Amino acid sequence: MEIQELFLKHYGKFENHRILLKPGMNIIYGGNETGKTTIHSFIRAMFFGLSRGRGRAAKTDEYQIRQPWDCPGAFLGSMRVRENGEVYRIDRCFDRSARPLTVTCETRSQELDQPERAMAMLLGGISEAAFVNTVFVPQAQAETDEALAQELQRYMVNSDSTLDAQLDVAQALQGLRKKKKMFEQKKKKEDELMEARIAKKQASAEMIRNELEMLRRQAGFSAKQYRQNNLSEGETAEEDEWEKETVKGQRILELLLFLAGALALAGAFLLTDWKLRIFLGIFGAVFLLLILPVHFLFGGREEDGPEEEPENAGAQNKYLMEEIRNREELYGKLQDELEELYHSHVRLDGTDTEIAALTLAIDRICELSSGIYARSGGELGKRASEILSELTDGAYDRIILDETASVRIHTPSRVLGLHQVSGGTMQQIYFALRMAAGEVLSEGKVLPIVLDETFAMYDDARLEAALRWLKKSGRQVILFTCQKREREILERLN
């Protein structure tokens, strides 16, 4: 495809401004603030339209910047292109219009019914993101962005014979990730509700437990007495046997302390050494005094009869025991419910299964597309390497791209990253990548190359190599520049 004419009817600073172009090299020269970038923007707008931003972005988007200066109510233009021997006129109205785009085949004097489809045919199906990252180079922006990696990945996957040619990887991943996010938000709400239910049950259980402890204290039961009321007959017999053994041990210990104390006191009376008598007297008194603590430490058990209870003590204890049993049943029920809630909280449900399935699908598509890119990307790397070799006179003749469009430069001695080469070489690498990707993504369609001050940072040798390659390519080139050296070099190259 070749652009024959640009007609900026009302676009930015231009009004009824016509530019005729020819095949091959076209240089549009002018100083700063003369409108070169506006014309450059017009070409993109005629191919893809102008989208309007929202909010703060609306103040700095292309639509706002390119509003006509003198006639804001009329925002339009036209362009003529030649494709396969036929001439098409593209008319666009960038303001709100019932017919924002019309495409007319002037060779056949026929307005096409589906203008958007006609534009896709003329552009070879290339998207705006791919166009801007390949053959259309904005001012001082040779490097590409992540949109190029997505476009290349989409192309590689679509061109793989093992997959449906209509598959759009980026769109498929976007849909899956959106659906996964929806399920994750649903899961988060479910978890919050479940945690609230658990917290409510825990508060109820804690309240019942406190009531239970208070009732037990009111009943006047020690921990041991309460256990005795709930032990079986066998357990009660064992408890009684243990108590008998304890009492027997207590009596033996008391007897031993008494005998030791009596013997010590007897020695104190019989011996003549006064120091030894004092020592034995003190020890005898201590042994006899220890009998009382031992007696009370083991409960002060006496062989007395049971303590008499008030007349209403039995009824009161019966009521308290009934309340204690009720609270115990309720507390046990709450514990069971809490356990079920805990299990439900950690158990995989339908939402978890959906999230796991979507994650697996996303990972699988990324893995599959990366593999396809690795298989199919070699052709792109080969073509970019050929262009770079011509641009650098063979100094760099091989670059490799991964699925994220990250670049590695191979030299005879080592592999370099972009950050390890000079700024000029980096510009050449990006240019080679753009041109190679443009050939791939346009699927054989030869599109014009539109460059806005692309070579401003090139030295004369690099500029001559780039212009030589562009001239050799035989493609239409529209070069916007504020310098005259491009024309001088092209004249020298004839």
Protein backbone atom coordinates (compact mmCIF):
# COMPACT_ATOMS: atom_id res chain seq x y z
CA MET A 1 0.00 0.00 0.00
CA GLU A 2 1.14 3.53 -0.78
CA ILE A 3 -0.20 6.85 0.48
CA GLN A 4 -0.76 9.24 -2.42
CA GLU A 5 -2.29 12.26 -0.73
CA LEU A 6 -3.01 13.72 2.71
CA PHE A 7 -5.72 16.37 2.99
CA LEU A 8 -5.84 18.00 6.43
CA LYS A 9 -9.16 19.81 6.03
CA HIS A 10 -9.49 20.81 9.68
CA TYR A 11 -6.85 19.17 11.87
CA GLY A 12 -4.76 20.95 14.50
CA LYS A 13 -3.17 24.10 13.06
CA PHE A 14 -3.86 23.04 9.46
CA GLU A 15 -6.86 24.03 7.37
CA ASN A 16 -7.36 22.75 3.83
CA HIS A 17 -3.73 21.67 3.70
CA ARG A 18 -2.86 19.15 0.98
CA ILE A 19 0.31 17.04 0.80
CA LEU A 20 1.15 14.89 -2.22
CA LEU A 21 3.39 11.87 -1.69
CA LYS A 22 5.18 9.55 -4.07
CA PRO A 23 6.52 5.98 -3.95
CA GLY A 24 9.92 5.49 -2.31
CA MET A 25 11.54 8.09 -0.09
CA ASN A 26 9.57 11.19 1.00
CA ILE A 27 11.19 13.78 3.25
CA ILE A 28 8.95 16.33 4.98
CA TYR A 29 11.31 18.99 6.27
CA GLY A 30 10.55 21.85 8.66
CA GLY A 31 11.81 23.55 11.78
CA ASN A 32 10.36 23.12 15.24
CA GLU A 33 6.71 24.11 15.75
CA THR A 34 5.97 23.90 12.02
CA GLY A 35 3.48 21.04 12.34
CA LYS A 36 5.51 17.94 11.40
CA THR A 37 4.27 15.93 14.38
CA THR A 38 0.70 17.04 13.65
CA ILE A 39 0.92 15.63 10.10
CA HIS A 40 2.55 12.48 11.49
CA SER A 41 -0.37 12.11 13.92
CA PHE A 42 -2.87 12.71 11.10
CA ILE A 43 -1.66 9.61 9.23
CA ARG A 44 -2.32 7.41 12.26
CA ALA A 45 -5.69 9.08 12.89
CA MET A 46 -6.80 8.46 9.29
CA PHE A 47 -5.96 4.77 9.58
CA PHE A 48 -7.37 4.11 13.07
CA GLY A 49 -9.40 7.14 14.16
CA LEU A 50 -8.97 9.17 17.33
CA SER A 51 -10.15 7.74 20.63
CA ARG A 52 -11.26 10.13 23.34
CA GLY A 53 -9.90 9.76 26.86
CA ARG A 54 -11.92 10.08 30.05
CA GLY A 55 -11.38 12.10 33.17
CA ARG A 56 -7.96 13.68 33.52
CA ALA A 57 -6.61 11.71 30.56
CA ALA A 58 -9.03 13.57 28.27
CA LYS A 59 -6.99 16.76 28.69
CA THR A 60 -3.83 15.30 27.16
CA ASP A 61 -5.08 12.73 24.63
CA GLU A 62 -4.58 13.07 20.88
CA TYR A 63 -8.22 13.99 20.32
CA GLN A 64 -7.92 17.07 22.53
CA ILE A 65 -4.45 18.04 21.28
CA ARG A 66 -5.40 17.84 17.60
CA GLN A 67 -8.60 19.86 17.81
CA PRO A 68 -8.72 22.40 14.93
CA TRP A 69 -7.44 25.81 15.97
CA ASP A 70 -9.69 28.01 13.85
CA CYS A 71 -12.73 25.79 13.30
CA PRO A 72 -13.38 23.53 16.32
CA GLY A 73 -16.79 22.50 15.01
CA ALA A 74 -15.28 20.80 11.94
CA PHE A 75 -12.72 18.14 12.79
CA LEU A 76 -12.05 16.05 9.68
CA GLY A 77 -9.73 15.06 6.86
CA SER A 78 -9.17 12.61 4.02
CA MET A 79 -6.41 10.46 2.56
CA ARG A 80 -5.85 8.67 -0.73
CA VAL A 81 -4.03 5.36 -0.90
CA ARG A 82 -3.15 2.95 -3.70
CA GLU A 83 -3.55 -0.79 -3.16
CA ASN A 84 -3.25 -3.50 -5.84
CA GLY A 85 -3.64 -0.97 -8.66
CA GLU A 86 -6.77 0.64 -7.22
CA VAL A 87 -7.12 4.02 -5.53
CA TYR A 88 -9.13 4.38 -2.33
CA ARG A 89 -10.21 7.62 -0.65
CA ILE A 90 -10.60 7.48 3.12
CA ASP A 91 -12.72 10.20 4.73
CA ARG A 92 -12.96 10.60 8.50
CA CYS A 93 -14.93 12.93 10.74
CA PHE A 94 -13.37 12.91 14.20
CA ASP A 95 -16.26 14.73 15.89
CA ARG A 96 -19.52 13.00 16.67
CA SER A 97 -21.00 12.01 13.35
CA ALA A 98 -23.52 9.52 12.00
CA ARG A 99 -20.87 8.46 9.47
CA PRO A 100 -17.45 8.92 11.06
CA LEU A 101 -15.69 6.81 8.39
CA THR A 102 -16.28 6.29 4.67
CA VAL A 103 -14.08 4.41 2.20
CA THR A 104 -14.56 4.93 -1.52
CA CYS A 105 -12.88 3.00 -4.31
CA GLU A 106 -12.32 5.82 -6.81
CA THR A 107 -11.10 3.44 -9.48
CA ARG A 108 -14.56 1.83 -9.55
CA SER A 109 -16.46 4.92 -8.31
CA GLN A 110 -17.95 2.84 -5.50
CA GLU A 111 -18.43 3.63 -1.84
CA LEU A 112 -17.81 0.50 0.19
CA ASP A 113 -20.61 -0.71 2.47
CA GLN A 114 -18.34 -1.89 5.29
CA PRO A 115 -15.65 0.78 5.76
CA GLU A 116 -14.10 -0.76 8.87
CA ARG A 117 -13.66 -4.06 7.07
CA ALA A 118 -12.16 -2.22 4.10
CA MET A 119 -9.63 -0.52 6.41
CA ALA A 120 -8.63 -3.88 7.87
CA MET A 121 -8.08 -5.18 4.33
CA LEU A 122 -5.93 -2.20 3.38
CA LEU A 123 -3.82 -2.51 6.55
CA GLY A 124 -3.47 -6.29 6.35
CA GLY A 125 -5.35 -6.74 9.63
CA ILE A 126 -2.61 -5.07 11.68
CA SER A 127 -3.84 -3.55 14.95
CA GLU A 128 -3.19 0.02 16.02
CA ALA A 129 -0.85 -1.18 18.79
CA ALA A 130 1.18 -3.21 16.30
CA PHE A 131 1.19 -0.33 13.78
CA VAL A 132 2.53 2.14 16.36
CA ASN A 133 5.20 -0.33 17.52
CA THR A 134 6.47 -1.19 14.04
CA VAL A 135 6.21 0.98 10.92
CA PHE A 136 4.86 4.11 12.62
CA VAL A 137 7.58 5.60 14.85
CA PRO A 138 6.58 8.59 17.02
CA GLN A 139 9.00 11.40 17.73
CA ALA A 140 12.06 10.34 19.79
CA GLN A 141 10.48 7.00 20.59
CA ALA A 142 12.40 4.28 18.79
CA GLU A 143 11.91 1.76 21.62
CA THR A 144 8.84 -0.47 21.64
CA ASP A 145 6.45 -1.14 24.52
CA GLU A 146 4.85 -4.28 25.96
CA ALA A 147 2.00 -4.05 23.43
CA LEU A 148 4.42 -5.31 20.77
CA ALA A 149 5.13 -8.46 22.81
CA GLN A 150 1.38 -9.10 23.08
CA GLU A 151 0.85 -8.57 19.36
CA LEU A 152 3.73 -10.88 18.48
CA GLN A 153 2.50 -13.52 20.90
CA ARG A 154 -1.00 -13.31 19.42
CA TYR A 155 0.37 -13.63 15.90
CA MET A 156 2.61 -16.58 16.75
CA VAL A 157 -0.22 -18.47 18.44
CA ASN A 158 -2.64 -17.75 15.61
CA SER A 159 -0.12 -18.91 13.05
CA ASP A 160 0.54 -22.20 14.85
CA SER A 161 -1.12 -25.06 12.99
CA THR A 162 -2.03 -26.88 16.19
CA LEU A 163 -4.43 -24.15 17.34
CA ASP A 164 -7.57 -22.48 16.09
CA ALA A 165 -6.54 -19.58 13.88
CA GLN A 166 -9.25 -17.42 15.47
CA LEU A 167 -7.82 -17.78 18.98
CA ASP A 168 -6.82 -14.46 20.53
CA VAL A 169 -4.44 -15.28 23.36
CA ALA A 170 -4.45 -11.83 24.92
CA GLN A 171 -8.24 -11.65 24.85
CA ALA A 172 -8.58 -15.20 26.18
CA LEU A 173 -6.20 -14.48 29.06
CA GLN A 174 -7.97 -11.23 29.81
CA GLY A 175 -11.32 -13.02 30.00
CA LEU A 176 -9.97 -15.80 32.21
CA ARG A 177 -8.26 -13.37 34.56
CA LYS A 178 -11.41 -11.28 34.81
CA LYS A 179 -13.46 -14.37 35.65
CA LYS A 180 -10.85 -15.51 38.19
CA LYS A 181 -10.95 -12.11 39.87
CA MET A 182 -14.75 -12.34 40.09
CA PHE A 183 -14.55 -15.75 41.82
CA GLU A 184 -11.79 -14.50 44.14
CA GLN A 185 -13.99 -11.60 45.20
CA LYS A 186 -16.87 -14.02 45.76
CA LYS A 187 -14.59 -16.28 47.81
CA LYS A 188 -13.45 -13.33 49.89
CA LYS A 189 -17.04 -12.42 50.76
CA GLU A 190 -17.83 -16.05 51.63
CA ASP A 191 -14.75 -16.21 53.88
CA GLU A 192 -15.73 -13.00 55.62
CA LEU A 193 -19.24 -14.34 56.29
CA MET A 194 -17.85 -17.65 57.54
CA GLU A 195 -15.36 -15.92 59.84
CA ALA A 196 -18.18 -13.77 61.24
CA ARG A 197 -20.27 -16.91 61.96
CA ILE A 198 -17.30 -18.59 63.66
CA ALA A 199 -16.62 -15.51 65.78
CA LYS A 200 -20.29 -15.39 66.84
CA LYS A 201 -20.27 -19.10 67.82
CA GLN A 202 -17.01 -18.64 69.73
CA ALA A 203 -18.50 -15.74 71.69
CA SER A 204 -21.58 -17.82 72.56
CA ALA A 205 -19.44 -20.78 73.64
CA GLU A 206 -17.28 -18.52 75.82
CA MET A 207 -20.37 -17.06 77.49
CA ILE A 208 -21.78 -20.56 78.24
CA ARG A 209 -18.41 -21.67 79.62
CA ASN A 210 -18.33 -18.69 82.01
CA GLU A 211 -21.88 -19.43 83.15
CA LEU A 212 -20.92 -23.07 83.73
CA GLU A 213 -17.97 -22.11 85.90
CA MET A 214 -20.12 -19.74 87.93
CA LEU A 215 -22.77 -22.45 88.54
CA ARG A 216 -20.11 -24.90 89.67
CA ARG A 217 -18.79 -22.39 92.18
CA GLN A 218 -22.32 -21.71 93.42
CA ALA A 219 -22.86 -25.43 93.95
CA GLY A 220 -19.86 -25.37 96.31
CA PHE A 221 -18.13 -28.25 94.57
CA SER A 222 -14.42 -28.59 94.43
CA ALA A 223 -13.02 -30.02 91.26
CA LYS A 224 -12.62 -33.36 92.95
CA GLN A 225 -16.17 -33.45 94.35
CA TYR A 226 -17.60 -32.58 90.97
CA ARG A 227 -15.69 -35.44 89.40
CA GLN A 228 -16.97 -37.84 92.08
CA ASN A 229 -20.58 -36.93 91.24
CA ASN A 230 -19.98 -37.88 87.63
CA LEU A 231 -17.74 -40.97 88.08
CA SER A 232 -18.93 -44.53 87.45
CA GLU A 233 -19.07 -47.07 90.29
CA GLY A 234 -15.71 -48.61 89.32
CA GLU A 235 -14.10 -45.17 89.12
CA THR A 236 -15.62 -44.29 92.53
CA ALA A 237 -14.13 -47.46 94.08
CA GLU A 238 -10.73 -46.57 92.65
CA GLU A 239 -11.07 -43.05 94.06
CA ASP A 240 -11.98 -44.42 97.52
CA GLU A 241 -9.03 -46.85 97.46
CA TRP A 242 -6.71 -43.97 96.56
CA GLU A 243 -8.07 -41.93 99.49
CA LYS A 244 -7.50 -44.86 101.92
CA GLU A 245 -3.91 -45.22 100.79
CA THR A 246 -3.41 -41.47 101.20
CA VAL A 247 -4.77 -41.51 104.78
CA LYS A 248 -2.57 -44.51 105.64
CA GLY A 249 0.51 -42.72 104.33
CA GLN A 250 -0.46 -39.63 106.31
CA ARG A 251 -0.70 -41.59 109.58
CA ILE A 252 2.71 -43.25 109.03
CA LEU A 253 4.37 -39.90 108.31
CA GLU A 254 2.82 -38.32 111.43
CA LEU A 255 4.03 -41.29 113.57
CA LEU A 256 7.57 -41.04 112.21
CA LEU A 257 7.70 -37.30 112.92
CA PHE A 258 6.44 -37.91 116.50
CA LEU A 259 9.04 -40.64 117.21
CA ALA A 260 11.87 -38.49 115.78
CA GLY A 261 10.81 -35.53 117.91
CA ALA A 262 10.45 -37.64 121.10
CA LEU A 263 13.88 -39.26 120.65
CA ALA A 264 15.52 -35.88 120.04
CA LEU A 265 13.98 -34.40 123.20
CA ALA A 266 14.94 -37.48 125.25
CA GLY A 267 18.55 -37.11 124.10
CA ALA A 268 18.46 -33.41 125.07
CA PHE A 269 17.50 -34.38 128.62
CA LEU A 270 19.99 -37.25 128.98
CA LEU A 271 23.17 -35.78 127.45
CA THR A 272 25.56 -33.53 129.44
CA ASP A 273 27.07 -31.48 126.56
CA TRP A 274 24.95 -28.32 126.61
CA LYS A 275 25.56 -27.48 122.89
CA LEU A 276 24.36 -30.92 121.82
CA ARG A 277 21.40 -30.69 124.15
CA ILE A 278 20.30 -27.37 122.61
CA PHE A 279 20.71 -28.78 119.10
CA LEU A 280 18.63 -31.92 119.88
CA GLY A 281 16.02 -29.87 121.70
CA ILE A 282 15.50 -27.60 118.68
CA PHE A 283 15.26 -30.53 116.28
CA GLY A 284 12.86 -32.38 118.56
CA ALA A 285 10.57 -29.37 118.72
CA VAL A 286 10.71 -28.91 114.93
CA PHE A 287 9.77 -32.57 114.26
CA LEU A 288 6.84 -32.37 116.67
CA LEU A 289 5.63 -29.08 115.15
CA LEU A 290 5.73 -30.55 111.59
CA ILE A 291 2.96 -32.99 112.55
CA LEU A 292 0.30 -30.24 112.32
CA PRO A 293 1.18 -29.01 108.76
CA VAL A 294 1.29 -32.59 107.51
CA HIS A 295 -2.11 -33.25 109.03
CA PHE A 296 -3.75 -30.24 107.38
CA LEU A 297 -1.83 -30.62 104.10
CA PHE A 298 -3.50 -33.95 103.44
CA GLY A 299 -6.93 -32.49 104.07
CA GLY A 300 -7.22 -32.72 107.80
CA ARG A 301 -9.29 -35.89 107.44
CA GLU A 302 -11.03 -36.92 110.61
CA GLU A 303 -13.09 -39.92 111.31
CA ASP A 304 -16.00 -37.68 112.07
CA GLY A 305 -19.42 -38.10 110.49
CA PRO A 306 -20.57 -36.02 107.51
CA GLU A 307 -21.26 -32.33 108.02
CA GLU A 308 -24.92 -31.58 108.41
CA GLU A 309 -26.55 -29.70 105.56
CA PRO A 310 -29.33 -27.14 105.77
CA GLU A 311 -32.83 -28.41 105.10
CA ASN A 312 -33.03 -26.83 101.58
CA ALA A 313 -29.44 -27.72 100.60
CA GLY A 314 -30.48 -30.87 98.74
CA ALA A 315 -33.07 -29.10 96.57
CA GLN A 316 -30.68 -26.26 95.80
CA ASN A 317 -27.91 -28.63 94.82
CA LYS A 318 -30.32 -30.59 92.64
CA TYR A 319 -31.32 -27.39 90.80
CA LEU A 320 -27.71 -26.32 90.33
CA MET A 321 -26.75 -29.77 89.06
CA GLU A 322 -29.57 -29.62 86.53
CA GLU A 323 -28.43 -26.20 85.32
CA ILE A 324 -24.85 -27.42 85.10
CA ARG A 325 -25.91 -30.41 82.95
CA ASN A 326 -27.94 -28.13 80.66
CA ARG A 327 -25.01 -25.78 80.20
CA GLU A 328 -22.69 -28.69 79.51
CA GLU A 329 -25.00 -30.02 76.80
CA LEU A 330 -25.28 -26.59 75.22
CA TYR A 331 -21.52 -26.04 75.42
CA GLY A 332 -20.87 -29.43 73.79
CA LYS A 333 -23.34 -28.63 71.00
CA LEU A 334 -21.64 -25.29 70.32
CA GLN A 335 -18.25 -27.01 70.19
CA ASP A 336 -19.58 -29.50 67.60
CA GLU A 337 -21.01 -26.66 65.50
CA LEU A 338 -17.71 -24.80 65.69
CA GLU A 339 -15.81 -27.87 64.56
CA GLU A 340 -18.15 -28.25 61.56
CA LEU A 341 -17.70 -24.59 60.68
CA TYR A 342 -13.90 -24.96 60.87
CA HIS A 343 -14.04 -27.96 58.53
CA SER A 344 -16.31 -26.10 56.10
CA HIS A 345 -13.94 -23.15 56.14
CA VAL A 346 -10.92 -25.16 55.07
CA ARG A 347 -12.75 -27.59 52.77
CA LEU A 348 -12.61 -26.92 49.01
CA ASP A 349 -15.99 -25.79 47.73
CA GLY A 350 -17.28 -24.89 44.26
CA THR A 351 -15.67 -21.45 44.30
CA ASP A 352 -12.26 -22.86 45.22
CA THR A 353 -12.58 -25.41 42.43
CA GLU A 354 -13.42 -22.70 39.89
CA ILE A 355 -10.45 -20.57 40.99
CA ALA A 356 -8.11 -23.55 40.79
CA ALA A 357 -9.42 -24.46 37.32
CA LEU A 358 -9.06 -20.89 36.02
CA THR A 359 -5.54 -20.61 37.43
CA LEU A 360 -4.60 -23.86 35.73
CA ALA A 361 -6.10 -22.65 32.42
CA ILE A 362 -4.23 -19.33 32.61
CA ASP A 363 -0.94 -21.06 33.40
CA ARG A 364 -1.49 -23.58 30.62
CA ILE A 365 -2.25 -20.92 27.99
CA CYS A 366 0.80 -18.89 29.03
CA GLU A 367 2.96 -22.01 28.89
CA LEU A 368 1.53 -23.06 25.53
CA SER A 369 1.86 -19.62 23.94
CA SER A 370 5.42 -19.30 25.27
CA GLY A 371 6.30 -22.62 23.68
CA ILE A 372 4.76 -21.58 20.38
CA TYR A 373 6.64 -18.29 20.55
CA ALA A 374 9.88 -20.17 21.13
CA ARG A 375 9.17 -22.34 18.05
CA SER A 376 7.87 -19.60 15.77
CA GLY A 377 9.85 -16.60 16.99
CA GLY A 378 13.02 -17.81 15.33
CA GLU A 379 11.94 -16.40 11.97
CA LEU A 380 11.34 -12.98 13.52
CA GLY A 381 14.73 -13.06 15.26
CA LYS A 382 16.40 -14.13 12.01
CA ARG A 383 14.87 -11.26 10.03
CA ALA A 384 15.69 -8.70 12.76
CA SER A 385 19.26 -10.02 12.84
CA GLU A 386 19.59 -9.57 9.07
CA ILE A 387 18.41 -5.96 9.28
CA LEU A 388 20.68 -5.23 12.26
CA SER A 389 23.67 -6.71 10.45
CA GLU A 390 23.10 -4.30 7.54
CA LEU A 391 22.62 -1.35 9.88
CA THR A 392 25.81 -2.10 11.86
CA ASP A 393 27.92 -3.28 8.89
CA GLY A 394 28.14 -6.75 10.46
CA ALA A 395 29.28 -5.61 13.92
CA TYR A 396 26.14 -7.18 15.42
CA ASP A 397 24.57 -9.93 13.37
CA ARG A 398 22.38 -11.91 15.76
CA ILE A 399 19.66 -10.91 18.21
CA ILE A 400 17.32 -13.22 20.10
CA LEU A 401 13.86 -12.33 21.43
CA ASP A 402 11.91 -14.08 24.18
CA GLU A 403 8.12 -14.16 24.58
CA THR A 404 8.18 -10.76 26.33
CA ALA A 405 10.09 -9.20 23.39
CA SER A 406 13.16 -8.81 25.60
CA VAL A 407 16.27 -8.61 23.44
CA ARG A 408 19.64 -10.35 23.78
CA ILE A 409 22.51 -9.48 21.42
CA HIS A 410 24.92 -12.29 20.54
CA THR A 411 28.54 -11.45 19.74
CA PRO A 412 31.40 -13.89 19.02
CA SER A 413 32.61 -13.58 22.63
CA ARG A 414 29.50 -13.12 24.78
CA VAL A 415 25.77 -12.35 25.03
CA LEU A 416 24.79 -8.76 25.80
CA GLY A 417 21.67 -7.09 27.13
CA LEU A 418 20.37 -3.83 25.75
CA HIS A 419 21.77 -1.96 28.74
CA GLN A 420 25.28 -3.09 27.79
CA VAL A 421 25.40 -1.44 24.35
CA SER A 422 25.69 2.22 23.42
CA GLY A 423 22.65 4.43 22.97
CA GLY A 424 23.21 4.57 19.19
CA THR A 425 23.43 0.79 18.90
CA MET A 426 20.33 0.42 21.06
CA GLN A 427 18.45 2.71 18.65
CA GLN A 428 19.57 0.55 15.71
CA ILE A 429 18.43 -2.64 17.48
CA TYR A 430 14.97 -1.19 18.17
CA PHE A 431 14.71 -0.03 14.57
CA ALA A 432 15.63 -3.50 13.27
CA LEU A 433 13.11 -5.09 15.63
CA ARG A 434 10.38 -2.69 14.53
CA MET A 435 10.96 -3.29 10.84
CA ALA A 436 11.12 -7.09 11.21
CA ALA A 437 8.00 -7.18 13.41
CA GLY A 438 6.17 -4.96 10.91
CA GLU A 439 6.88 -7.45 8.12
CA VAL A 440 5.63 -10.32 10.31
CA LEU A 441 2.50 -8.69 11.73
CA SER A 442 1.28 -7.22 8.45
CA GLU A 443 1.19 -10.79 7.06
CA GLY A 444 2.81 -9.92 3.75
CA LYS A 445 1.09 -6.57 3.32
CA VAL A 446 3.65 -3.89 2.41
CA LEU A 447 2.82 -0.84 4.53
CA PRO A 448 4.42 2.59 4.33
CA ILE A 449 7.05 3.41 6.96
CA VAL A 450 6.27 6.67 8.78
CA LEU A 451 9.14 8.14 10.84
CA ASP A 452 9.09 11.29 12.96
CA GLU A 453 12.60 12.49 13.86
CA THR A 454 13.57 8.86 14.31
CA PHE A 455 17.24 9.41 13.46
CA ALA A 456 17.84 12.57 15.51
CA MET A 457 20.31 10.72 17.80
CA TYR A 458 22.13 8.91 14.96
CA ASP A 459 25.59 9.94 13.90
CA ASP A 460 26.22 10.36 10.18
CA ALA A 461 27.48 6.79 9.69
CA ARG A 462 24.48 5.23 11.39
CA LEU A 463 22.08 7.55 9.55
CA GLU A 464 23.59 6.64 6.19
CA ALA A 465 23.27 2.91 6.98
CA ALA A 466 19.60 3.32 7.98
CA LEU A 467 18.73 5.40 4.87
CA ARG A 468 20.56 2.92 2.66
CA TRP A 469 18.48 0.06 4.11
CA LEU A 470 15.22 2.02 3.70
CA LYS A 471 16.04 2.90 0.10
CA LYS A 472 17.01 -0.71 -0.64
CA SER A 473 13.73 -2.02 0.85
CA GLY A 474 11.76 -0.40 -1.98
CA ARG A 475 8.98 0.59 0.40
CA GLN A 476 7.32 3.97 0.68
CA VAL A 477 9.01 5.97 3.45
CA ILE A 478 7.64 9.21 4.91
CA LEU A 479 10.37 10.84 6.99
CA PHE A 480 9.70 13.95 9.09
CA THR A 481 12.87 15.85 10.07
CA CYS A 482 14.11 19.25 11.08
CA GLN A 483 17.59 18.60 9.62
CA LYS A 484 18.87 18.68 6.04
CA ARG A 485 21.45 15.92 6.35
CA GLU A 486 18.93 13.19 5.39
CA ARG A 487 18.44 14.82 1.99
CA GLU A 488 22.16 15.35 1.56
CA ILE A 489 22.93 11.70 2.33
CA LEU A 490 20.16 10.47 0.00
CA GLU A 491 21.50 12.67 -2.79
CA ARG A 492 24.93 11.17 -2.22
CA LEU A 493 23.38 7.67 -2.38
CA ASN A 494 21.64 8.71 -5.66
